[in-house]
N, C-alpha and C. Protein backbone atom coordinates (compact mmCIF):
# COMPACT_ATOMS: atom_id res chain seq x y z
N UNK A 1 -11.69 10.14 -17.01
CA UNK A 1 -12.23 11.41 -17.55
C UNK A 1 -13.55 11.06 -18.12
N UNK A 2 -14.57 10.98 -16.79
CA UNK A 2 -15.99 10.61 -17.37
C UNK A 2 -16.48 12.00 -17.82
N UNK A 3 -17.17 11.73 -19.05
CA UNK A 3 -17.85 13.30 -19.54
C UNK A 3 -19.45 12.65 -19.03
N UNK A 4 -20.34 13.76 -18.93
CA UNK A 4 -21.63 13.79 -18.90
C UNK A 4 -22.42 13.05 -20.08
N UNK A 5 -23.36 12.30 -19.70
CA UNK A 5 -23.98 11.70 -20.90
C UNK A 5 -24.55 12.74 -21.77
N UNK A 6 -24.47 12.40 -23.10
CA UNK A 6 -24.83 13.38 -24.37
C UNK A 6 -25.78 12.63 -25.09
N UNK A 7 -27.06 13.75 -25.31
CA UNK A 7 -27.90 13.08 -26.11
C UNK A 7 -27.42 13.01 -27.81
N UNK A 8 -26.54 13.80 -27.83
CA UNK A 8 -26.02 13.94 -29.50
C UNK A 8 -25.14 12.82 -29.70
N UNK A 9 -25.32 11.67 -29.65
CA UNK A 9 -24.45 10.31 -30.07
C UNK A 9 -24.84 9.67 -31.53
N UNK A 10 -23.88 9.28 -32.13
CA UNK A 10 -24.07 8.57 -33.31
C UNK A 10 -23.81 6.95 -33.13
N UNK A 11 -24.63 6.04 -33.40
CA UNK A 11 -23.94 4.47 -33.21
C UNK A 11 -23.27 4.20 -34.50
N UNK A 12 -21.97 3.80 -34.29
CA UNK A 12 -20.86 3.58 -35.61
C UNK A 12 -20.71 2.05 -35.30
N UNK A 13 -20.09 1.48 -36.31
CA UNK A 13 -19.49 0.09 -36.56
C UNK A 13 -18.17 0.26 -36.88
N UNK A 14 -17.32 -0.33 -36.14
CA UNK A 14 -15.94 -0.08 -36.52
C UNK A 14 -15.09 -1.42 -36.21
N UNK A 15 -14.31 -1.90 -37.40
CA UNK A 15 -13.35 -2.99 -37.19
C UNK A 15 -12.15 -2.81 -36.72
N UNK A 16 -11.74 -3.31 -35.55
CA UNK A 16 -10.53 -2.97 -34.59
C UNK A 16 -9.84 -4.23 -34.73
N UNK A 17 -8.33 -4.12 -34.41
CA UNK A 17 -7.22 -4.88 -34.39
C UNK A 17 -7.63 -5.80 -33.04
N UNK A 18 -7.42 -7.05 -33.06
CA UNK A 18 -7.78 -7.67 -31.64
C UNK A 18 -6.86 -7.20 -30.63
N UNK A 19 -5.79 -6.76 -30.89
CA UNK A 19 -4.88 -6.11 -29.94
C UNK A 19 -5.56 -4.97 -29.05
N UNK A 20 -6.49 -4.15 -29.95
CA UNK A 20 -6.60 -2.98 -29.56
C UNK A 20 -8.11 -3.46 -28.95
N UNK A 21 -8.75 -4.21 -29.34
CA UNK A 21 -10.10 -4.88 -28.72
C UNK A 21 -9.56 -5.10 -27.22
N UNK A 22 -8.71 -5.87 -27.12
CA UNK A 22 -7.87 -6.63 -25.66
C UNK A 22 -7.60 -4.98 -24.73
N UNK A 23 -7.01 -4.16 -25.59
CA UNK A 23 -6.72 -2.85 -24.70
C UNK A 23 -7.85 -1.85 -24.08
N UNK A 24 -8.71 -1.94 -25.24
CA UNK A 24 -9.94 -1.17 -24.56
C UNK A 24 -10.76 -1.97 -23.50
N UNK A 25 -10.74 -3.01 -23.89
CA UNK A 25 -11.79 -3.89 -22.92
C UNK A 25 -11.13 -4.09 -21.24
N UNK A 26 -9.72 -3.84 -21.33
CA UNK A 26 -8.68 -3.87 -20.10
C UNK A 26 -9.28 -2.52 -19.45
N UNK A 27 -8.79 -1.36 -20.23
CA UNK A 27 -9.11 0.12 -19.69
C UNK A 27 -10.86 0.01 -19.20
N UNK A 28 -11.56 -0.72 -19.73
CA UNK A 28 -12.72 -0.64 -19.33
C UNK A 28 -13.26 -1.25 -17.99
N UNK A 29 -12.46 -2.17 -17.72
CA UNK A 29 -12.46 -2.98 -16.58
C UNK A 29 -11.77 -2.11 -15.63
N UNK A 30 -10.76 -1.42 -15.78
CA UNK A 30 -9.72 -0.74 -14.90
C UNK A 30 -10.66 0.44 -14.30
N UNK A 31 -11.34 1.13 -15.39
CA UNK A 31 -12.05 2.45 -15.10
C UNK A 31 -13.08 2.01 -14.60
N UNK A 32 -13.63 1.04 -14.50
CA UNK A 32 -15.04 0.97 -14.29
C UNK A 32 -16.09 1.03 -14.99
N UNK A 33 -16.01 1.35 -16.10
CA UNK A 33 -16.81 1.62 -17.15
C UNK A 33 -17.97 0.90 -17.59
N UNK A 34 -19.23 0.85 -17.84
CA UNK A 34 -20.17 0.00 -17.99
C UNK A 34 -20.20 -0.86 -19.53
N UNK A 35 -19.37 0.03 -20.37
CA UNK A 35 -19.55 -0.48 -21.60
C UNK A 35 -18.19 -0.26 -22.47
N UNK A 36 -17.99 -1.09 -23.30
CA UNK A 36 -16.99 -0.84 -24.31
C UNK A 36 -16.95 0.47 -24.78
N UNK A 37 -18.07 0.71 -25.58
CA UNK A 37 -18.28 2.16 -26.18
C UNK A 37 -17.91 3.54 -25.14
N UNK A 38 -18.22 3.07 -23.92
CA UNK A 38 -18.08 4.29 -22.72
C UNK A 38 -16.81 4.11 -22.60
N UNK A 39 -15.79 3.02 -22.82
CA UNK A 39 -14.35 3.04 -22.55
C UNK A 39 -13.73 3.74 -24.06
N UNK A 40 -14.41 3.16 -24.96
CA UNK A 40 -13.58 3.73 -26.42
C UNK A 40 -13.62 5.23 -26.42
N UNK A 41 -15.02 5.63 -25.83
CA UNK A 41 -15.09 7.12 -25.99
C UNK A 41 -14.24 8.00 -24.96
N UNK A 42 -14.21 7.55 -23.62
CA UNK A 42 -13.49 7.99 -22.73
C UNK A 42 -11.64 7.99 -23.36
N UNK A 43 -11.07 7.07 -24.00
CA UNK A 43 -9.96 7.39 -24.23
C UNK A 43 -9.72 8.01 -25.46
N UNK A 44 -10.75 8.33 -26.15
CA UNK A 44 -10.50 9.30 -27.53
C UNK A 44 -10.98 10.82 -26.73
N UNK A 45 -11.79 10.78 -25.51
CA UNK A 45 -11.82 12.21 -25.13
C UNK A 45 -10.21 12.61 -24.52
N UNK A 46 -9.61 11.57 -23.51
CA UNK A 46 -8.39 11.58 -23.27
C UNK A 46 -7.25 12.44 -24.52
N UNK A 47 -7.77 11.67 -25.56
CA UNK A 47 -6.64 11.85 -26.42
C UNK A 47 -6.95 13.25 -27.24
N UNK A 48 -7.89 13.80 -27.03
CA UNK A 48 -8.44 14.85 -27.24
C UNK A 48 -8.11 16.18 -26.50
N UNK A 49 -8.13 15.97 -25.27
CA UNK A 49 -7.85 16.75 -24.48
C UNK A 49 -6.32 17.03 -24.27
N UNK A 50 -5.52 16.25 -24.75
CA UNK A 50 -4.15 15.75 -24.35
C UNK A 50 -3.72 16.80 -25.57
N UNK A 51 -4.26 16.48 -26.67
CA UNK A 51 -3.89 17.36 -27.78
C UNK A 51 -4.31 18.57 -27.63
N UNK A 52 -5.27 19.19 -27.03
CA UNK A 52 -5.82 20.26 -27.05
C UNK A 52 -4.77 21.11 -25.62
N UNK A 53 -4.38 20.61 -24.86
CA UNK A 53 -3.56 21.03 -23.96
C UNK A 53 -2.14 21.20 -24.52
N UNK A 54 -1.57 20.55 -25.37
CA UNK A 54 -0.31 20.61 -26.10
C UNK A 54 -0.53 21.56 -26.89
N UNK A 55 -1.69 21.83 -27.37
CA UNK A 55 -1.61 22.98 -28.72
C UNK A 55 -1.47 24.32 -27.89
N UNK A 56 -2.21 24.43 -26.70
CA UNK A 56 -2.29 25.34 -25.59
C UNK A 56 -0.88 25.94 -25.29
N UNK A 57 -0.22 24.97 -24.72
CA UNK A 57 1.14 25.28 -24.32
C UNK A 57 2.18 25.58 -25.48
N UNK A 58 2.05 24.78 -26.56
CA UNK A 58 2.89 25.51 -27.65
C UNK A 58 2.46 26.62 -28.12
N UNK A 59 1.44 27.28 -27.93
CA UNK A 59 0.86 28.68 -28.34
C UNK A 59 1.35 29.66 -27.51
N UNK A 60 2.00 29.50 -26.23
CA UNK A 60 2.20 30.30 -25.06
C UNK A 60 3.42 31.19 -25.45
N UNK A 61 3.45 32.36 -25.29
CA UNK A 61 4.82 32.98 -25.48
C UNK A 61 5.92 32.72 -24.64
N UNK A 62 7.08 33.12 -24.47
CA UNK A 62 8.09 32.86 -23.56
C UNK A 62 7.68 33.44 -22.24
N UNK A 63 7.32 34.44 -22.35
CA UNK A 63 6.74 35.23 -21.07
C UNK A 63 5.67 34.51 -20.32
N UNK A 64 4.59 33.80 -20.84
CA UNK A 64 3.78 33.11 -20.50
C UNK A 64 4.64 31.93 -20.08
N UNK A 65 4.99 31.29 -20.52
CA UNK A 65 5.89 30.06 -19.98
C UNK A 65 6.47 30.57 -18.76
N UNK A 66 7.35 31.36 -18.54
CA UNK A 66 7.97 31.77 -17.82
C UNK A 66 7.01 32.10 -16.54
N UNK A 67 5.85 32.63 -16.60
CA UNK A 67 5.16 32.99 -15.54
C UNK A 67 4.54 31.89 -14.89
N UNK A 68 4.17 30.62 -15.94
CA UNK A 68 3.45 29.43 -15.68
C UNK A 68 4.37 28.81 -14.85
N UNK A 69 5.56 28.70 -15.06
CA UNK A 69 6.57 27.84 -14.42
C UNK A 69 6.69 28.44 -12.94
N UNK A 70 6.68 29.50 -12.85
CA UNK A 70 6.72 30.25 -11.50
C UNK A 70 5.40 30.33 -10.57
N UNK A 71 4.22 29.89 -11.27
CA UNK A 71 3.16 29.69 -10.80
C UNK A 71 3.24 28.29 -10.05
N UNK A 72 4.02 27.19 -10.95
CA UNK A 72 3.95 25.85 -10.78
C UNK A 72 5.09 25.63 -9.65
N UNK A 73 5.95 26.35 -9.39
CA UNK A 73 6.96 26.31 -8.47
C UNK A 73 6.13 27.08 -7.51
N UNK A 74 5.74 27.88 -7.47
CA UNK A 74 5.09 28.39 -6.06
C UNK A 74 3.84 27.50 -5.46
N UNK A 75 3.15 26.73 -6.46
CA UNK A 75 1.97 26.01 -5.88
C UNK A 75 2.79 25.03 -5.20
N UNK A 76 4.11 24.32 -6.00
CA UNK A 76 4.41 22.98 -5.15
C UNK A 76 5.06 23.26 -3.70
N UNK A 77 5.83 24.61 -3.62
CA UNK A 77 6.31 24.96 -2.29
C UNK A 77 5.27 25.04 -1.71
N UNK A 78 3.92 25.89 -1.90
CA UNK A 78 2.82 25.78 -0.89
C UNK A 78 2.00 24.30 -0.42
N UNK A 79 2.12 23.76 -1.44
CA UNK A 79 1.67 22.04 -1.09
C UNK A 79 2.19 21.40 -0.15
N UNK A 80 3.64 21.57 -0.47
CA UNK A 80 4.55 20.74 0.44
C UNK A 80 4.42 21.54 2.10
N UNK A 81 4.72 22.70 1.97
CA UNK A 81 4.44 23.70 3.20
C UNK A 81 3.19 23.10 3.87
N UNK A 82 2.06 23.11 3.43
CA UNK A 82 0.81 22.79 4.31
C UNK A 82 1.05 21.43 4.61
N UNK A 83 1.48 20.57 3.50
CA UNK A 83 1.46 18.90 4.12
C UNK A 83 2.49 19.00 5.11
N UNK A 84 3.56 19.70 5.26
CA UNK A 84 4.28 19.33 6.28
C UNK A 84 3.50 19.72 7.74
N UNK A 85 3.02 21.02 7.47
CA UNK A 85 1.99 21.57 8.70
C UNK A 85 1.18 20.56 9.58
N UNK A 86 0.17 20.25 8.37
CA UNK A 86 -0.84 19.38 8.89
C UNK A 86 -0.59 17.82 9.23
C-alpha cells in the first residue's frame, strides 16, 4: 500500500526490539521499498486502514450487512461467470 510522498513528515528516532527490526527489514525487501522508514510507514498505514475498515463494518446496521453480503455474492458470481466465458 504505497502512499504518495508527503511533504509533511517528521523525523523521529525509535528504539525497537531486534525481532521487529528484522521483520520490518524483511518486509522492506519483500515489498521492494527503498528504505526502512518507507517500510515502517507502509506497515503503520496498513494497520491504520485495517482499523478504519473494521470500525466501518462494526458501525453498519444489520440491514447494511445484509446488503453488503448480497453485493459480495453477486460480484463473486459475476466474476466466475465472466472468467468461465473468457
